[in-house]
Amino acid sequence: MTTMSYAPESGSDHTRRLIKKKMTTDKLFASIDAAASAGLHVSVFLVIGYPHDQPEHIAENLPFLDELSHRGVGDIGINFYMALPGTELFRSLYDAGRIKIDRRYFRHILNSLAPIPSQSYCDTLSRMDLAFWKFRMFRRFYSATKRSGEAGLFGAVLRGMRGLIRKGDHQTKMETAVRHALTTGIETFLTVFRTRYMPRAEERAMVASWDPLYRRIHEQKLECGAIEPMSSNTAELYRSNIIPVLVKEHGTERTIVSVPG
């Protein structure tokens, strides 16, 4: 074993409570201390852009990142929030009419690691706001001097460059991430000149039927009582227990009729 990765999702206690992340900062830091002291390379993953995120909540990540760096975390990953089907947040956004199952929706999932998100579900933060916060958080973490004594931003750049030279045996996730970014970028560019898996018009026609079908299934679940409308206020979802809802949904006998065509 050489690495340990943690996913607290946010440095904000408020945000973690709203997304039902049942962990405490003290226990997280204690585990990180143990992993770093054992000589493991430690990484931490965060998410920004939850529907209920406020600027002051995202700002709480900055001192959190300072503490991670001080305790021996070597790399961080920052994703933009993705509205994944089956989650309470997705249901809330869908019931509120803020999600449509189309090509744009699937694109936002593919772009969770992009510098700029393809869309924002935040009422108070635009796409560019989220991009700015992501840049600011990366700069804050990688500019700090690590517990190992490694230089800040300059050291991080050197680690990334090593990833372009060495194919295997990467010592940090930064090396692997930089190499994957380069190779994936080249592959993505080359796809422009390759034959598509299906004509673009057929793809658009295929995806156009998905939202009506999903909405019909969703309405039938509501009609038979398998599910109930979800609150449009995502900041209130943490107050309820989703388990009884899931048991009721999956334990109800019903017939779902697909939309013709």
Protein backbone atom coordinates (compact mmCIF):
# COMPACT_ATOMS: atom_id res chain seq x y z
CA MET A 1 0.00 0.00 0.00
CA THR A 2 1.45 3.35 -1.04
CA THR A 3 -1.39 5.88 -1.07
CA MET A 4 -4.46 6.85 0.90
CA SER A 5 -7.25 9.01 -0.50
CA TYR A 6 -9.99 10.78 1.47
CA ALA A 7 -13.23 12.33 0.22
CA PRO A 8 -14.57 14.76 2.84
CA GLU A 9 -16.20 16.59 -0.13
CA SER A 10 -15.94 19.96 1.61
CA GLY A 11 -13.95 21.83 4.21
CA SER A 12 -17.16 23.41 5.42
CA ASP A 13 -18.89 21.71 8.36
CA HIS A 14 -22.13 23.36 7.22
CA THR A 15 -21.90 21.91 3.72
CA ARG A 16 -21.00 18.43 5.00
CA ARG A 17 -24.06 18.46 7.25
CA LEU A 18 -26.32 19.40 4.33
CA ILE A 19 -24.99 16.57 2.13
CA LYS A 20 -25.21 14.08 5.04
CA LYS A 21 -21.47 13.48 5.14
CA LYS A 22 -21.27 11.82 8.54
CA MET A 23 -17.69 12.58 9.54
CA THR A 24 -15.99 15.00 11.87
CA THR A 25 -13.01 17.18 11.04
CA ASP A 26 -11.09 15.96 14.08
CA LYS A 27 -11.38 12.30 13.08
CA LEU A 28 -10.45 13.12 9.48
CA PHE A 29 -7.31 14.95 10.59
CA ALA A 30 -6.38 12.14 12.98
CA SER A 31 -6.60 9.60 10.16
CA ILE A 32 -4.62 11.84 7.80
CA ASP A 33 -1.93 12.28 10.46
CA ALA A 34 -1.66 8.51 10.84
CA ALA A 35 -1.48 7.90 7.09
CA ALA A 36 1.12 10.62 6.52
CA SER A 37 3.20 9.44 9.48
CA ALA A 38 3.17 5.93 8.00
CA GLY A 39 4.81 7.28 4.86
CA LEU A 40 1.75 7.02 2.60
CA HIS A 41 1.06 9.58 -0.09
CA VAL A 42 -2.19 11.25 0.97
CA SER A 43 -4.77 12.81 -1.36
CA VAL A 44 -8.04 14.60 -0.57
CA PHE A 45 -11.03 15.13 -2.87
CA LEU A 46 -13.43 18.07 -2.63
CA VAL A 47 -16.60 19.12 -4.45
CA ILE A 48 -17.88 22.67 -5.00
CA GLY A 49 -21.07 23.95 -6.58
CA TYR A 50 -23.75 22.17 -4.55
CA PRO A 51 -27.18 23.80 -5.13
CA HIS A 52 -27.14 25.22 -1.60
CA ASP A 53 -23.49 26.38 -1.67
CA GLN A 54 -22.90 29.98 -0.66
CA PRO A 55 -19.63 31.89 -1.25
CA GLU A 56 -18.93 31.93 2.49
CA HIS A 57 -19.24 28.13 2.63
CA ILE A 58 -16.78 27.61 -0.22
CA ALA A 59 -14.44 30.14 1.42
CA GLU A 60 -14.22 27.80 4.42
CA ASN A 61 -12.23 25.45 2.19
CA LEU A 62 -9.26 27.84 2.16
CA PRO A 63 -8.13 27.46 5.80
CA PHE A 64 -9.11 23.78 5.52
CA LEU A 65 -6.65 23.40 2.64
CA ASP A 66 -3.93 25.10 4.70
CA GLU A 67 -4.47 22.53 7.45
CA LEU A 68 -4.41 19.64 4.97
CA SER A 69 -1.11 20.84 3.57
CA HIS A 70 0.36 21.23 7.05
CA ARG A 71 -0.70 17.70 8.01
CA GLY A 72 1.02 16.05 5.06
CA VAL A 73 -1.57 15.85 2.27
CA GLY A 74 0.33 15.78 -1.02
CA ASP A 75 -2.41 16.30 -3.61
CA ILE A 76 -6.01 17.44 -3.86
CA GLY A 77 -8.75 16.95 -6.44
CA ILE A 78 -11.56 19.47 -6.89
CA ASN A 79 -14.69 18.46 -8.79
CA PHE A 80 -17.77 20.46 -9.69
CA TYR A 81 -21.06 19.14 -8.33
CA MET A 82 -22.76 16.58 -10.59
CA ALA A 83 -26.52 15.96 -10.35
CA LEU A 84 -26.47 12.16 -10.43
CA PRO A 85 -29.75 10.21 -10.85
CA GLY A 86 -30.87 8.33 -7.77
CA THR A 87 -29.71 10.99 -5.33
CA GLU A 88 -31.91 13.28 -3.26
CA LEU A 89 -30.30 16.37 -4.74
CA PHE A 90 -31.06 15.17 -8.27
CA ARG A 91 -34.69 14.46 -7.35
CA SER A 92 -35.07 17.89 -5.79
CA LEU A 93 -33.63 19.64 -8.85
CA TYR A 94 -35.66 17.49 -11.25
CA ASP A 95 -38.95 18.04 -9.39
CA ALA A 96 -38.22 21.77 -9.44
CA GLY A 97 -37.81 21.69 -13.22
CA ARG A 98 -34.11 22.58 -13.10
CA ILE A 99 -32.94 19.40 -14.86
CA LYS A 100 -33.79 18.08 -18.28
CA ILE A 101 -32.35 14.74 -19.41
CA ASP A 102 -30.69 15.90 -22.61
CA ARG A 103 -27.26 16.17 -24.18
CA ARG A 104 -26.44 19.23 -22.06
CA TYR A 105 -27.22 17.29 -18.89
CA PHE A 106 -24.86 14.43 -19.77
CA ARG A 107 -22.20 16.91 -20.80
CA HIS A 108 -22.10 18.40 -17.30
CA ILE A 109 -21.23 14.97 -15.89
CA LEU A 110 -18.34 14.56 -18.34
CA ASN A 111 -17.07 18.05 -17.47
CA SER A 112 -16.87 17.67 -13.70
CA LEU A 113 -13.07 17.90 -13.87
CA ALA A 114 -12.94 20.68 -16.47
CA PRO A 115 -11.52 24.11 -15.56
CA ILE A 116 -14.96 25.65 -16.16
CA PRO A 117 -18.20 23.73 -15.49
CA SER A 118 -20.67 23.39 -18.36
CA GLN A 119 -23.45 24.52 -16.01
CA SER A 120 -24.07 25.58 -12.42
CA TYR A 121 -26.93 24.50 -10.16
CA CYS A 122 -26.03 27.18 -7.62
CA ASP A 123 -28.39 30.11 -7.20
CA THR A 124 -25.58 32.33 -5.94
CA LEU A 125 -22.60 31.12 -8.00
CA SER A 126 -22.24 31.25 -11.77
CA ARG A 127 -20.10 28.96 -13.89
CA MET A 128 -17.29 31.52 -13.89
CA ASP A 129 -17.62 31.99 -10.12
CA LEU A 130 -17.09 28.27 -9.61
CA ALA A 131 -14.14 28.25 -12.02
CA PHE A 132 -12.58 31.11 -10.04
CA TRP A 133 -13.04 29.28 -6.74
CA LYS A 134 -11.52 26.10 -8.17
CA PHE A 135 -8.46 28.04 -9.36
CA ARG A 136 -8.18 29.86 -6.04
CA MET A 137 -8.37 26.62 -4.05
CA PHE A 138 -5.74 24.89 -6.20
CA ARG A 139 -3.44 27.89 -5.93
CA ARG A 140 -3.93 28.08 -2.16
CA PHE A 141 -3.06 24.42 -1.62
CA TYR A 142 -0.17 24.05 -4.04
CA SER A 143 1.43 27.37 -3.05
CA ALA A 144 1.75 26.24 0.57
CA THR A 145 4.92 24.59 1.84
CA LYS A 146 4.19 20.95 2.59
CA ARG A 147 4.99 19.17 5.85
CA SER A 148 7.77 17.34 4.04
CA GLY A 149 9.45 20.69 3.44
CA GLU A 150 8.81 20.57 -0.29
CA ALA A 151 8.55 23.96 -1.95
CA GLY A 152 5.09 25.24 -2.76
CA LEU A 153 3.78 26.01 -6.23
CA PHE A 154 7.19 25.56 -7.92
CA GLY A 155 7.53 22.08 -6.42
CA ALA A 156 4.04 21.16 -7.62
CA VAL A 157 4.89 22.26 -11.17
CA LEU A 158 8.05 20.14 -11.12
CA ARG A 159 6.07 17.13 -9.93
CA GLY A 160 3.61 17.63 -12.75
CA MET A 161 6.40 17.83 -15.32
CA ARG A 162 7.86 14.58 -14.04
CA GLY A 163 4.56 12.95 -14.96
CA LEU A 164 5.12 13.88 -18.63
CA ILE A 165 8.47 12.12 -18.64
CA ARG A 166 7.79 9.02 -16.58
CA LYS A 167 5.06 6.67 -17.78
CA GLY A 168 4.89 4.44 -14.73
CA ASP A 169 5.78 4.40 -11.04
CA HIS A 170 4.36 7.84 -10.40
CA GLN A 171 4.97 8.87 -6.80
CA THR A 172 2.07 11.33 -6.63
CA LYS A 173 -1.38 11.79 -8.15
CA MET A 174 -0.20 15.12 -9.58
CA GLU A 175 2.19 13.31 -11.93
CA THR A 176 -0.52 10.91 -13.07
CA ALA A 177 -3.08 13.70 -13.46
CA VAL A 178 -0.82 15.81 -15.66
CA ARG A 179 0.06 12.86 -17.90
CA HIS A 180 -3.61 11.84 -18.19
CA ALA A 181 -4.60 15.43 -18.97
CA LEU A 182 -2.12 15.54 -21.83
CA THR A 183 -2.97 12.14 -23.31
CA THR A 184 -6.73 12.65 -22.90
CA GLY A 185 -6.49 16.11 -24.46
CA ILE A 186 -4.72 14.70 -27.50
CA GLU A 187 -7.23 11.86 -27.83
CA THR A 188 -10.14 14.29 -27.53
CA PHE A 189 -8.69 16.50 -30.26
CA LEU A 190 -8.14 13.52 -32.58
CA THR A 191 -11.76 12.39 -32.25
CA VAL A 192 -12.77 15.44 -34.31
CA PHE A 193 -11.19 13.77 -37.34
CA ARG A 194 -12.54 10.27 -36.70
CA THR A 195 -15.79 8.68 -37.80
CA ARG A 196 -18.53 9.21 -35.22
CA TYR A 197 -20.21 6.20 -33.60
CA MET A 198 -23.47 7.49 -35.12
CA PRO A 199 -24.51 10.52 -37.19
CA ARG A 200 -25.02 13.65 -35.09
CA ALA A 201 -28.65 14.01 -36.22
CA GLU A 202 -29.44 10.46 -35.09
CA GLU A 203 -27.76 11.09 -31.76
CA ARG A 204 -29.85 14.22 -31.17
CA ALA A 205 -33.04 12.35 -32.10
CA MET A 206 -32.17 9.49 -29.75
CA VAL A 207 -31.43 11.73 -26.77
CA ALA A 208 -34.54 13.84 -27.43
CA SER A 209 -36.77 10.94 -26.33
CA TRP A 210 -35.01 10.35 -23.01
CA ASP A 211 -36.47 13.19 -20.96
CA PRO A 212 -40.14 12.49 -21.89
CA LEU A 213 -39.58 8.81 -21.06
CA TYR A 214 -37.90 9.54 -17.75
CA ARG A 215 -40.54 12.13 -16.83
CA ARG A 216 -43.36 9.66 -17.56
CA ILE A 217 -41.76 7.00 -15.36
CA HIS A 218 -41.25 9.62 -12.66
CA GLU A 219 -44.92 10.67 -12.85
CA GLN A 220 -46.07 7.05 -12.59
CA LYS A 221 -43.98 6.57 -9.46
CA LEU A 222 -45.65 9.64 -7.97
CA GLU A 223 -49.12 8.44 -8.99
CA CYS A 224 -48.76 5.02 -7.38
CA GLY A 225 -47.23 6.46 -4.22
CA ALA A 226 -43.83 4.85 -4.67
CA ILE A 227 -42.20 8.26 -4.22
CA GLU A 228 -43.27 11.68 -3.02
CA PRO A 229 -42.40 15.10 -4.44
CA MET A 230 -39.05 16.26 -3.15
CA SER A 231 -38.58 19.66 -1.53
CA SER A 232 -37.15 22.23 -3.92
CA ASN A 233 -35.04 23.60 -1.04
CA THR A 234 -31.99 21.36 -1.14
CA ALA A 235 -30.75 22.81 2.15
CA GLU A 236 -33.65 21.04 3.90
CA LEU A 237 -33.02 17.53 2.56
CA TYR A 238 -30.61 16.61 5.33
CA ARG A 239 -33.50 16.68 7.83
CA SER A 240 -35.10 13.55 6.36
CA ASN A 241 -34.01 9.92 6.27
CA ILE A 242 -33.88 8.63 2.70
CA ILE A 243 -33.80 4.92 3.66
CA PRO A 244 -37.57 4.50 4.32
CA VAL A 245 -38.24 6.30 1.03
CA LEU A 246 -35.97 3.91 -0.89
CA VAL A 247 -37.49 0.86 0.79
CA LYS A 248 -40.97 2.07 -0.17
CA GLU A 249 -39.96 2.80 -3.76
CA HIS A 250 -38.23 -0.51 -4.39
CA GLY A 251 -40.78 -2.54 -2.47
CA THR A 252 -43.87 -1.28 -4.31
CA GLU A 253 -45.30 -3.51 -7.03
CA ARG A 254 -46.12 -1.45 -10.08
CA THR A 255 -46.01 -1.44 -13.86
CA ILE A 256 -44.11 1.30 -15.62
CA VAL A 257 -45.41 2.03 -19.11
CA SER A 258 -42.90 3.48 -21.53
CA VAL A 259 -43.68 6.41 -23.77
CA PRO A 260 -44.51 5.27 -27.35
CA GLY A 261 -41.83 6.09 -29.86
